[in-house]
N, C-alpha and C. Protein backbone atom coordinates (compact mmCIF):
# COMPACT_ATOMS: atom_id res chain seq x y z
N MET A 1 -10.00 -12.87 -17.14
CA MET A 1 -8.64 -13.27 -16.79
C MET A 1 -8.32 -14.66 -17.19
N GLY A 2 -8.23 -14.79 -18.41
CA GLY A 2 -8.10 -16.22 -18.99
C GLY A 2 -6.61 -16.68 -18.93
N ASN A 3 -5.72 -15.75 -18.75
CA ASN A 3 -4.32 -16.16 -18.70
C ASN A 3 -3.92 -16.71 -17.41
N ARG A 4 -3.36 -17.95 -17.38
CA ARG A 4 -2.99 -18.58 -16.14
C ARG A 4 -1.53 -18.81 -16.28
N LEU A 5 -0.82 -18.79 -15.17
CA LEU A 5 0.62 -19.02 -15.09
C LEU A 5 0.89 -20.50 -15.42
N THR A 6 1.76 -20.77 -16.42
CA THR A 6 2.20 -22.18 -16.71
C THR A 6 3.69 -22.21 -16.55
N GLN A 7 4.30 -21.12 -16.58
CA GLN A 7 5.74 -20.99 -16.40
C GLN A 7 6.06 -19.78 -15.50
N ILE A 8 6.79 -20.06 -14.53
CA ILE A 8 7.10 -19.03 -13.53
C ILE A 8 8.25 -18.03 -13.93
N SER A 9 9.40 -18.68 -14.38
CA SER A 9 10.46 -17.90 -14.74
C SER A 9 10.51 -17.83 -16.35
N THR A 10 10.16 -16.60 -16.81
CA THR A 10 10.04 -16.31 -18.27
C THR A 10 11.25 -15.40 -18.69
N ARG A 11 11.90 -14.78 -17.86
CA ARG A 11 13.03 -13.95 -18.11
C ARG A 11 12.69 -12.63 -18.92
N THR A 12 11.36 -12.51 -18.98
CA THR A 12 10.88 -11.24 -19.73
C THR A 12 11.00 -9.99 -19.00
N GLY A 13 11.18 -10.15 -17.72
CA GLY A 13 11.26 -8.98 -16.81
C GLY A 13 12.78 -8.56 -16.47
N ASP A 14 13.69 -9.33 -17.10
CA ASP A 14 15.12 -8.95 -16.83
C ASP A 14 15.50 -7.66 -17.17
N ALA A 15 14.82 -6.90 -17.95
CA ALA A 15 15.18 -5.60 -18.41
C ALA A 15 14.50 -4.53 -17.67
N GLY A 16 13.74 -4.98 -16.51
CA GLY A 16 13.09 -4.00 -15.56
C GLY A 16 11.74 -3.69 -15.92
N THR A 17 11.07 -4.51 -16.84
CA THR A 17 9.65 -4.16 -17.11
C THR A 17 8.90 -5.48 -16.70
N THR A 18 7.69 -5.33 -16.62
CA THR A 18 6.71 -6.44 -16.25
C THR A 18 5.46 -6.25 -17.17
N GLY A 19 4.83 -7.50 -17.43
CA GLY A 19 3.61 -7.39 -18.23
C GLY A 19 2.39 -7.25 -17.41
N LEU A 20 1.45 -6.46 -17.91
CA LEU A 20 0.25 -6.31 -17.27
C LEU A 20 -0.78 -7.33 -17.78
N GLY A 21 -2.07 -7.39 -17.32
CA GLY A 21 -3.00 -8.32 -17.74
C GLY A 21 -3.55 -7.98 -19.11
N ASP A 22 -3.30 -6.63 -19.58
CA ASP A 22 -3.86 -6.21 -20.86
C ASP A 22 -2.74 -6.56 -21.94
N ASN A 23 -1.67 -7.16 -21.54
CA ASN A 23 -0.53 -7.47 -22.39
C ASN A 23 0.40 -6.25 -22.72
N SER A 24 0.14 -5.18 -21.96
CA SER A 24 1.12 -4.06 -22.11
C SER A 24 2.30 -4.24 -21.11
N ARG A 25 3.37 -3.57 -21.32
CA ARG A 25 4.59 -3.81 -20.40
C ARG A 25 4.76 -2.40 -19.78
N VAL A 26 5.11 -2.47 -18.47
CA VAL A 26 5.48 -1.13 -17.78
C VAL A 26 6.73 -1.48 -16.88
N SER A 27 7.27 -0.27 -16.47
CA SER A 27 8.43 -0.39 -15.60
C SER A 27 8.11 -1.04 -14.36
N LYS A 28 8.91 -1.85 -13.82
CA LYS A 28 8.65 -2.44 -12.45
C LYS A 28 8.66 -1.38 -11.38
N ASN A 29 9.07 -0.15 -11.65
CA ASN A 29 9.10 0.93 -10.79
C ASN A 29 7.78 1.81 -10.96
N SER A 30 6.87 1.39 -11.72
CA SER A 30 5.72 2.24 -11.98
C SER A 30 4.82 2.29 -10.85
N LEU A 31 4.02 3.36 -10.67
CA LEU A 31 3.15 3.47 -9.53
C LEU A 31 2.06 2.26 -9.55
N ARG A 32 1.67 1.77 -10.71
CA ARG A 32 0.79 0.74 -10.80
C ARG A 32 1.48 -0.62 -10.16
N VAL A 33 2.74 -0.77 -10.52
CA VAL A 33 3.34 -2.06 -9.99
C VAL A 33 3.62 -1.85 -8.45
N HIS A 34 3.91 -0.60 -8.07
CA HIS A 34 3.94 -0.47 -6.63
C HIS A 34 2.72 -0.73 -5.82
N ALA A 35 1.54 -0.35 -6.47
CA ALA A 35 0.31 -0.66 -5.79
C ALA A 35 0.10 -2.09 -5.83
N MET A 36 0.27 -2.76 -7.00
CA MET A 36 0.11 -4.19 -6.95
C MET A 36 0.94 -4.96 -5.94
N GLY A 37 2.17 -4.53 -5.85
CA GLY A 37 3.07 -5.06 -4.93
C GLY A 37 2.62 -4.94 -3.52
N ASP A 38 2.20 -3.75 -3.11
CA ASP A 38 1.70 -3.52 -1.76
C ASP A 38 0.46 -4.38 -1.45
N VAL A 39 -0.47 -4.55 -2.46
CA VAL A 39 -1.57 -5.39 -2.26
C VAL A 39 -1.12 -6.87 -2.09
N ASP A 40 -0.21 -7.33 -2.89
CA ASP A 40 0.30 -8.66 -2.85
C ASP A 40 0.99 -8.87 -1.44
N GLU A 41 1.69 -7.88 -0.91
CA GLU A 41 2.28 -8.05 0.42
C GLU A 41 1.29 -8.00 1.50
N LEU A 42 0.18 -7.21 1.41
CA LEU A 42 -0.86 -7.33 2.29
C LEU A 42 -1.57 -8.65 2.36
N ASN A 43 -1.73 -9.24 1.10
CA ASN A 43 -2.34 -10.60 1.11
C ASN A 43 -1.42 -11.59 1.72
N SER A 44 -0.12 -11.53 1.62
CA SER A 44 0.76 -12.46 2.24
C SER A 44 0.83 -12.21 3.64
N HIS A 45 0.74 -11.06 4.21
CA HIS A 45 0.63 -10.89 5.63
C HIS A 45 -0.64 -11.48 6.24
N ILE A 46 -1.76 -11.38 5.53
CA ILE A 46 -3.01 -11.93 5.96
C ILE A 46 -2.86 -13.55 5.97
N GLY A 47 -2.11 -13.96 4.95
CA GLY A 47 -1.87 -15.45 5.04
C GLY A 47 -1.01 -15.90 6.23
N LEU A 48 -0.06 -15.01 6.65
CA LEU A 48 0.73 -15.33 7.87
C LEU A 48 -0.30 -15.23 9.08
N LEU A 49 -1.11 -14.33 9.12
CA LEU A 49 -2.08 -14.14 10.23
C LEU A 49 -2.95 -15.39 10.31
N LEU A 50 -3.38 -15.94 9.06
CA LEU A 50 -4.13 -17.14 9.12
C LEU A 50 -3.42 -18.39 9.72
N CYS A 51 -2.16 -18.26 9.94
CA CYS A 51 -1.35 -19.45 10.53
C CYS A 51 -1.62 -19.44 12.02
N GLU A 52 -2.21 -18.36 12.55
CA GLU A 52 -2.47 -18.32 14.01
C GLU A 52 -3.78 -19.09 14.39
N ALA A 53 -3.89 -19.25 15.70
CA ALA A 53 -5.17 -19.77 16.31
C ALA A 53 -6.19 -18.55 16.20
N LEU A 54 -7.18 -18.69 15.50
CA LEU A 54 -8.18 -17.65 15.31
C LEU A 54 -9.59 -18.04 15.56
N PRO A 55 -10.51 -17.22 16.01
CA PRO A 55 -11.91 -17.66 16.08
C PRO A 55 -12.32 -17.92 14.54
N ALA A 56 -13.34 -18.97 14.49
CA ALA A 56 -13.69 -19.42 13.19
C ALA A 56 -14.28 -18.35 12.35
N GLU A 57 -15.05 -17.50 13.01
CA GLU A 57 -15.55 -16.37 12.28
C GLU A 57 -14.56 -15.40 11.61
N VAL A 58 -13.54 -15.12 12.35
CA VAL A 58 -12.50 -14.28 11.86
C VAL A 58 -11.71 -15.01 10.76
N ARG A 59 -11.52 -16.32 10.89
CA ARG A 59 -10.79 -17.11 9.83
C ARG A 59 -11.50 -17.05 8.58
N THR A 60 -12.84 -17.27 8.61
CA THR A 60 -13.60 -17.19 7.41
C THR A 60 -13.55 -15.81 6.77
N LEU A 61 -13.66 -14.84 7.58
CA LEU A 61 -13.59 -13.44 7.10
C LEU A 61 -12.25 -13.20 6.29
N LEU A 62 -11.18 -13.53 6.96
CA LEU A 62 -9.87 -13.33 6.43
C LEU A 62 -9.61 -14.07 5.11
N VAL A 63 -10.13 -15.31 5.03
CA VAL A 63 -10.00 -16.10 3.68
C VAL A 63 -10.74 -15.36 2.69
N GLU A 64 -11.92 -14.94 2.94
CA GLU A 64 -12.69 -14.11 1.92
C GLU A 64 -11.92 -12.81 1.51
N ILE A 65 -11.34 -12.15 2.54
CA ILE A 65 -10.59 -10.97 2.26
C ILE A 65 -9.45 -11.24 1.31
N GLN A 66 -8.79 -12.43 1.51
CA GLN A 66 -7.66 -12.78 0.69
C GLN A 66 -8.18 -12.93 -0.86
N HIS A 67 -9.30 -13.59 -0.96
CA HIS A 67 -9.87 -13.74 -2.40
C HIS A 67 -10.25 -12.29 -2.89
N GLN A 68 -10.74 -11.35 -2.15
CA GLN A 68 -11.03 -9.96 -2.64
C GLN A 68 -9.81 -9.32 -2.93
N LEU A 69 -8.73 -9.45 -2.16
CA LEU A 69 -7.57 -8.80 -2.49
C LEU A 69 -6.87 -9.31 -3.79
N PHE A 70 -7.03 -10.66 -4.09
CA PHE A 70 -6.69 -11.09 -5.34
C PHE A 70 -7.43 -10.44 -6.52
N ASN A 71 -8.76 -10.32 -6.40
CA ASN A 71 -9.56 -9.61 -7.31
C ASN A 71 -9.00 -8.17 -7.41
N LEU A 72 -8.74 -7.55 -6.30
CA LEU A 72 -8.22 -6.14 -6.36
C LEU A 72 -6.79 -6.04 -7.16
N GLY A 73 -5.97 -6.99 -6.88
CA GLY A 73 -4.69 -7.07 -7.50
C GLY A 73 -4.94 -7.29 -9.04
N GLY A 74 -5.90 -8.22 -9.34
CA GLY A 74 -6.15 -8.45 -10.82
C GLY A 74 -6.67 -7.16 -11.47
N GLU A 75 -7.51 -6.45 -10.81
CA GLU A 75 -8.10 -5.19 -11.29
C GLU A 75 -6.95 -4.25 -11.53
N LEU A 76 -6.00 -4.10 -10.64
CA LEU A 76 -4.81 -3.24 -10.84
C LEU A 76 -4.04 -3.68 -12.06
N SER A 77 -3.94 -4.97 -12.32
CA SER A 77 -3.06 -5.45 -13.43
C SER A 77 -3.81 -5.35 -14.78
N ILE A 78 -5.05 -4.95 -14.78
CA ILE A 78 -5.67 -4.74 -16.07
C ILE A 78 -6.35 -3.37 -16.08
N PRO A 79 -5.54 -2.32 -16.53
CA PRO A 79 -6.10 -0.96 -16.38
C PRO A 79 -7.42 -0.76 -17.07
N GLY A 80 -8.35 -0.16 -16.35
CA GLY A 80 -9.70 0.06 -16.93
C GLY A 80 -10.69 -1.09 -16.50
N TYR A 81 -10.19 -2.22 -15.96
CA TYR A 81 -11.08 -3.39 -15.75
C TYR A 81 -11.62 -3.42 -14.39
N GLU A 82 -12.78 -3.89 -14.01
CA GLU A 82 -13.31 -3.93 -12.73
C GLU A 82 -13.55 -5.33 -12.38
N LEU A 83 -12.96 -5.76 -11.30
CA LEU A 83 -13.04 -7.15 -10.76
C LEU A 83 -13.60 -7.12 -9.36
N LEU A 84 -13.22 -6.07 -8.54
CA LEU A 84 -13.68 -5.93 -7.20
C LEU A 84 -15.15 -5.22 -7.20
N LYS A 85 -16.09 -5.99 -6.69
CA LYS A 85 -17.41 -5.52 -6.80
C LYS A 85 -17.79 -4.65 -5.62
N PRO A 86 -18.83 -3.82 -5.63
CA PRO A 86 -19.16 -2.98 -4.54
C PRO A 86 -19.70 -3.79 -3.33
N GLU A 87 -20.10 -4.90 -3.58
CA GLU A 87 -20.53 -5.84 -2.43
C GLU A 87 -19.34 -6.21 -1.53
N ALA A 88 -18.09 -6.22 -2.08
CA ALA A 88 -16.90 -6.56 -1.33
C ALA A 88 -16.61 -5.42 -0.32
N VAL A 89 -16.86 -4.15 -0.57
CA VAL A 89 -16.72 -3.09 0.21
C VAL A 89 -17.89 -3.10 1.29
N ALA A 90 -19.10 -3.47 0.85
CA ALA A 90 -20.24 -3.48 1.79
C ALA A 90 -20.01 -4.60 2.84
N ALA A 91 -19.35 -5.67 2.39
CA ALA A 91 -19.16 -6.83 3.29
C ALA A 91 -18.13 -6.42 4.40
N LEU A 92 -17.14 -5.60 3.99
CA LEU A 92 -16.29 -5.05 5.06
C LEU A 92 -16.99 -4.07 6.06
N ASP A 93 -17.89 -3.23 5.43
CA ASP A 93 -18.59 -2.41 6.31
C ASP A 93 -19.48 -3.20 7.40
N ASP A 94 -19.98 -4.33 6.77
CA ASP A 94 -20.84 -5.15 7.79
C ASP A 94 -19.90 -5.76 8.87
N ALA A 95 -18.75 -6.27 8.44
CA ALA A 95 -17.83 -6.87 9.33
C ALA A 95 -17.31 -5.89 10.36
N LEU A 96 -17.00 -4.72 9.95
CA LEU A 96 -16.67 -3.67 10.88
C LEU A 96 -17.69 -3.47 11.91
N GLU A 97 -18.95 -3.23 11.50
CA GLU A 97 -20.04 -2.94 12.35
C GLU A 97 -20.17 -4.11 13.36
N HIS A 98 -20.23 -5.29 12.84
CA HIS A 98 -20.43 -6.52 13.74
C HIS A 98 -19.34 -6.59 14.81
N HIS A 99 -18.10 -6.53 14.32
CA HIS A 99 -17.00 -6.72 15.31
C HIS A 99 -16.68 -5.58 16.26
N ASN A 100 -16.97 -4.33 15.73
CA ASN A 100 -16.76 -3.20 16.62
C ASN A 100 -17.78 -3.21 17.64
N ALA A 101 -19.04 -3.62 17.44
CA ALA A 101 -20.15 -3.52 18.39
C ALA A 101 -19.83 -4.44 19.56
N GLN A 102 -18.96 -5.31 19.42
CA GLN A 102 -18.54 -6.24 20.61
C GLN A 102 -17.45 -5.72 21.44
N LEU A 103 -16.85 -4.57 21.03
CA LEU A 103 -15.70 -4.04 21.73
C LEU A 103 -15.95 -2.92 22.68
N PRO A 104 -15.32 -2.72 23.75
CA PRO A 104 -15.49 -1.61 24.59
C PRO A 104 -15.01 -0.36 23.91
N ARG A 105 -15.49 0.91 24.30
CA ARG A 105 -15.00 2.05 23.68
C ARG A 105 -13.45 2.20 24.10
N LEU A 106 -12.83 2.79 23.09
CA LEU A 106 -11.36 3.00 23.44
C LEU A 106 -11.28 4.28 24.51
N GLN A 107 -10.35 4.06 25.35
CA GLN A 107 -10.06 5.15 26.25
C GLN A 107 -8.82 5.97 25.95
N GLU A 108 -8.03 5.45 25.08
CA GLU A 108 -6.84 6.18 24.67
C GLU A 108 -6.37 5.45 23.42
N PHE A 109 -5.29 5.97 22.76
CA PHE A 109 -4.68 5.23 21.62
C PHE A 109 -4.14 3.91 22.17
N ILE A 110 -4.17 2.96 21.33
CA ILE A 110 -3.57 1.64 21.68
C ILE A 110 -2.31 1.34 20.85
N LEU A 111 -1.49 0.59 21.47
CA LEU A 111 -0.17 0.29 20.76
C LEU A 111 -0.48 -0.99 19.89
N PRO A 112 0.24 -1.17 18.88
CA PRO A 112 0.24 -2.36 17.98
C PRO A 112 0.84 -3.61 18.75
N ALA A 113 0.14 -4.08 19.75
CA ALA A 113 0.79 -5.15 20.61
C ALA A 113 -0.41 -6.12 21.06
N GLY A 114 0.09 -6.90 21.93
CA GLY A 114 -0.83 -7.87 22.57
C GLY A 114 -0.21 -9.13 22.21
N ASN A 115 -1.26 -10.20 21.84
CA ASN A 115 -0.73 -11.47 21.44
C ASN A 115 -0.24 -11.35 20.05
N ARG A 116 0.30 -12.46 19.56
CA ARG A 116 0.96 -12.48 18.21
C ARG A 116 -0.12 -12.32 17.09
N ALA A 117 -1.26 -12.93 17.30
CA ALA A 117 -2.27 -12.74 16.18
C ALA A 117 -2.66 -11.26 16.08
N ALA A 118 -2.89 -10.60 17.21
CA ALA A 118 -3.24 -9.19 17.21
C ALA A 118 -2.12 -8.31 16.65
N ALA A 119 -0.85 -8.62 17.03
CA ALA A 119 0.17 -7.82 16.49
C ALA A 119 0.25 -7.96 14.89
N GLN A 120 0.04 -9.26 14.53
CA GLN A 120 0.11 -9.46 13.02
C GLN A 120 -1.03 -8.75 12.32
N ALA A 121 -2.24 -8.67 12.99
CA ALA A 121 -3.33 -7.93 12.41
C ALA A 121 -2.94 -6.35 12.31
N HIS A 122 -2.15 -5.91 13.23
CA HIS A 122 -1.68 -4.52 13.17
C HIS A 122 -0.77 -4.40 12.02
N VAL A 123 0.10 -5.36 11.78
CA VAL A 123 1.00 -5.27 10.58
C VAL A 123 0.14 -5.24 9.30
N CYS A 124 -0.95 -6.06 9.30
CA CYS A 124 -1.80 -5.98 8.12
C CYS A 124 -2.40 -4.68 7.97
N ARG A 125 -2.80 -4.10 9.03
CA ARG A 125 -3.38 -2.74 8.97
C ARG A 125 -2.51 -1.70 8.39
N THR A 126 -1.21 -1.72 8.91
CA THR A 126 -0.25 -0.71 8.22
C THR A 126 0.07 -1.00 6.81
N VAL A 127 0.19 -2.25 6.43
CA VAL A 127 0.40 -2.55 5.05
C VAL A 127 -0.81 -2.16 4.16
N ALA A 128 -2.00 -2.34 4.69
CA ALA A 128 -3.23 -1.88 3.95
C ALA A 128 -3.20 -0.40 3.78
N ARG A 129 -2.75 0.34 4.84
CA ARG A 129 -2.67 1.77 4.68
C ARG A 129 -1.70 2.25 3.57
N ARG A 130 -0.46 1.44 3.54
CA ARG A 130 0.54 1.74 2.50
C ARG A 130 -0.01 1.40 1.14
N ALA A 131 -0.73 0.35 1.01
CA ALA A 131 -1.29 -0.08 -0.25
C ALA A 131 -2.33 1.03 -0.63
N GLU A 132 -3.18 1.52 0.32
CA GLU A 132 -4.15 2.64 -0.02
C GLU A 132 -3.35 3.85 -0.54
N ARG A 133 -2.24 4.19 0.11
CA ARG A 133 -1.46 5.41 -0.28
C ARG A 133 -0.91 5.16 -1.74
N ALA A 134 -0.50 3.96 -1.97
CA ALA A 134 0.06 3.66 -3.35
C ALA A 134 -1.07 3.78 -4.43
N LEU A 135 -2.25 3.39 -3.95
CA LEU A 135 -3.46 3.47 -4.96
C LEU A 135 -3.76 4.90 -5.15
N VAL A 136 -3.74 5.68 -4.10
CA VAL A 136 -4.05 7.08 -4.25
C VAL A 136 -3.08 7.74 -5.25
N ALA A 137 -1.75 7.38 -5.01
CA ALA A 137 -0.78 8.02 -5.84
C ALA A 137 -0.99 7.65 -7.31
N LEU A 138 -1.35 6.36 -7.50
CA LEU A 138 -1.67 5.86 -8.88
C LEU A 138 -2.76 6.62 -9.47
N GLY A 139 -3.80 6.82 -8.65
CA GLY A 139 -5.05 7.43 -9.08
C GLY A 139 -4.79 8.93 -9.47
N ALA A 140 -3.79 9.53 -8.87
CA ALA A 140 -3.46 10.94 -9.28
C ALA A 140 -2.81 11.01 -10.59
N GLU A 141 -2.29 9.91 -11.16
CA GLU A 141 -1.62 9.83 -12.46
C GLU A 141 -2.39 9.03 -13.60
N GLU A 142 -3.21 8.15 -13.10
CA GLU A 142 -3.98 7.35 -14.04
C GLU A 142 -5.40 7.07 -13.48
N ALA A 143 -6.29 6.72 -14.43
CA ALA A 143 -7.76 6.45 -13.95
C ALA A 143 -7.71 5.16 -13.28
N VAL A 144 -8.27 5.13 -12.05
CA VAL A 144 -8.53 3.92 -11.39
C VAL A 144 -9.91 3.80 -10.75
N GLN A 145 -10.50 2.70 -10.60
CA GLN A 145 -11.82 2.62 -9.98
C GLN A 145 -11.79 3.03 -8.61
N GLU A 146 -12.99 3.40 -8.00
CA GLU A 146 -13.04 3.77 -6.65
C GLU A 146 -12.98 2.59 -5.63
N GLY A 147 -13.59 1.53 -6.18
CA GLY A 147 -13.72 0.34 -5.24
C GLY A 147 -12.42 -0.07 -4.61
N PRO A 148 -11.30 -0.32 -5.36
CA PRO A 148 -10.12 -0.69 -4.60
C PRO A 148 -9.61 0.30 -3.54
N ARG A 149 -9.82 1.53 -3.72
CA ARG A 149 -9.34 2.55 -2.74
C ARG A 149 -10.23 2.40 -1.51
N GLN A 150 -11.53 2.38 -1.77
CA GLN A 150 -12.52 2.15 -0.62
C GLN A 150 -12.22 0.84 0.16
N TYR A 151 -12.00 -0.21 -0.61
CA TYR A 151 -11.83 -1.48 -0.05
C TYR A 151 -10.54 -1.49 0.98
N LEU A 152 -9.50 -0.90 0.50
CA LEU A 152 -8.27 -0.83 1.39
C LEU A 152 -8.43 0.02 2.59
N ASN A 153 -9.27 1.13 2.37
CA ASN A 153 -9.48 2.08 3.43
C ASN A 153 -10.26 1.36 4.49
N ARG A 154 -11.31 0.60 4.11
CA ARG A 154 -12.18 -0.09 5.06
C ARG A 154 -11.34 -1.32 5.73
N LEU A 155 -10.45 -1.88 4.85
CA LEU A 155 -9.75 -3.04 5.35
C LEU A 155 -8.77 -2.64 6.53
N SER A 156 -8.17 -1.60 6.27
CA SER A 156 -7.15 -1.10 7.32
C SER A 156 -7.99 -0.93 8.58
N ASP A 157 -9.19 -0.20 8.60
CA ASP A 157 -9.98 -0.04 9.79
C ASP A 157 -10.39 -1.38 10.36
N LEU A 158 -10.85 -2.31 9.48
CA LEU A 158 -11.20 -3.63 9.96
C LEU A 158 -10.07 -4.35 10.69
N MET A 159 -8.77 -4.23 10.14
CA MET A 159 -7.68 -4.93 10.76
C MET A 159 -7.49 -4.39 12.10
N PHE A 160 -7.59 -3.00 12.33
CA PHE A 160 -7.48 -2.51 13.62
C PHE A 160 -8.53 -3.11 14.53
N VAL A 161 -9.79 -3.11 14.18
CA VAL A 161 -10.85 -3.74 14.98
C VAL A 161 -10.52 -5.20 15.20
N LEU A 162 -10.09 -5.96 14.23
CA LEU A 162 -9.78 -7.36 14.40
C LEU A 162 -8.63 -7.48 15.37
N ALA A 163 -7.72 -6.57 15.32
CA ALA A 163 -6.56 -6.74 16.30
C ALA A 163 -7.06 -6.67 17.70
N ARG A 164 -7.99 -5.81 17.98
CA ARG A 164 -8.70 -5.65 19.29
C ARG A 164 -9.38 -7.03 19.53
N VAL A 165 -10.18 -7.46 18.64
CA VAL A 165 -10.93 -8.70 18.84
C VAL A 165 -10.00 -9.90 19.22
N LEU A 166 -8.86 -9.96 18.39
CA LEU A 166 -7.98 -11.04 18.69
C LEU A 166 -7.19 -10.93 19.97
N ASN A 167 -6.96 -9.77 20.47
CA ASN A 167 -6.37 -9.63 21.85
C ASN A 167 -7.41 -10.15 22.86
N ARG A 168 -8.60 -10.09 22.68
CA ARG A 168 -9.59 -10.64 23.53
C ARG A 168 -9.96 -12.04 23.42
N ALA A 169 -9.68 -12.63 22.24
CA ALA A 169 -10.04 -14.02 21.96
C ALA A 169 -9.32 -14.89 22.89
N HIS A 170 -8.13 -14.56 23.30
CA HIS A 170 -7.39 -15.39 24.23
C HIS A 170 -7.20 -14.75 25.62
N GLY A 171 -8.20 -14.02 26.06
CA GLY A 171 -8.22 -13.48 27.39
C GLY A 171 -7.41 -12.28 27.56
N GLY A 172 -6.86 -11.61 26.52
CA GLY A 172 -6.04 -10.46 26.64
C GLY A 172 -6.95 -9.05 26.56
N ASP A 173 -6.21 -8.10 26.40
CA ASP A 173 -6.90 -6.72 26.23
C ASP A 173 -6.01 -5.86 25.39
N ASP A 174 -6.47 -4.69 25.12
CA ASP A 174 -5.75 -3.68 24.32
C ASP A 174 -4.59 -3.25 25.28
N VAL A 175 -3.43 -2.90 24.43
CA VAL A 175 -2.23 -2.40 25.19
C VAL A 175 -2.36 -0.92 24.94
N TYR A 176 -2.65 -0.06 25.91
CA TYR A 176 -2.87 1.30 25.80
C TYR A 176 -1.61 2.09 25.91
N TRP A 177 -1.51 3.14 25.16
CA TRP A 177 -0.37 4.05 25.20
C TRP A 177 -0.48 4.77 26.52
N LYS A 178 0.68 4.85 27.13
CA LYS A 178 0.76 5.53 28.39
C LYS A 178 0.96 7.07 28.17
N SER A 179 -0.02 7.77 27.95
CA SER A 179 0.06 9.13 27.55
C SER A 179 0.08 9.97 28.79
N GLU A 180 0.62 11.24 28.73
CA GLU A 180 0.61 12.07 29.78
C GLU A 180 -0.81 12.31 30.30
N ARG A 181 -1.83 12.46 29.33
CA ARG A 181 -3.23 12.73 29.83
C ARG A 181 -3.60 11.56 30.69
N MET A 182 -3.36 10.22 30.31
CA MET A 182 -3.86 9.20 31.22
C MET A 182 -3.06 9.17 32.57
N ARG A 183 -1.84 9.53 32.59
CA ARG A 183 -1.05 9.65 33.89
C ARG A 183 -1.78 10.63 34.74
N GLN A 184 -2.00 11.80 34.18
CA GLN A 184 -2.73 12.81 34.93
C GLN A 184 -3.95 12.43 35.47
N GLY A 185 -4.79 11.73 34.59
CA GLY A 185 -6.04 11.30 35.07
C GLY A 185 -6.05 10.24 36.17
N ALA A 186 -5.04 9.44 36.12
CA ALA A 186 -4.81 8.40 37.18
C ALA A 186 -4.39 8.98 38.44
N ALA A 187 -3.73 10.24 38.40
CA ALA A 187 -3.20 10.74 39.64
C ALA A 187 -4.29 11.59 40.39
N GLU A 188 -5.46 12.00 39.55
CA GLU A 188 -6.44 12.77 40.25
C GLU A 188 -7.35 11.88 41.17
């Protein structure tokens, strides 16, 4: 990826196309560009989450995730190229195992709520799922590596777990859905 931006406004996209890393041009409405945009949006939401007070371990993890998402976006911008390494998926698996082991078992579905950092982690989770769906759609039309899809799948799971961690980091808890089953269980 030797090309670096030196000029932001080139006007080359005024006709509704954009350049990819392999110097080809595609419609700004292509499945590839949608996937790239969703990954970029996810990275931006993680940047917003990093503005919150976070445990140092979570902050370090999220910064690394931002770098890996940039690799993932770069891979999407160069069809057939691999930038996201299998170790990145393995690192998410390790983080999932580590953080989930510290949490109590879920009793019911939880709402995307709690403190602001946890709520933002839930936004990241939902954007990760959308990016994953965009990548699956792209993969149905064009060849894509497995790593990016796996990474986004694990990342959405991790963001759910981190939302739970962040609710507890400041003395809070999960916000449980008040389901009929829970109401009946409480009445017994």
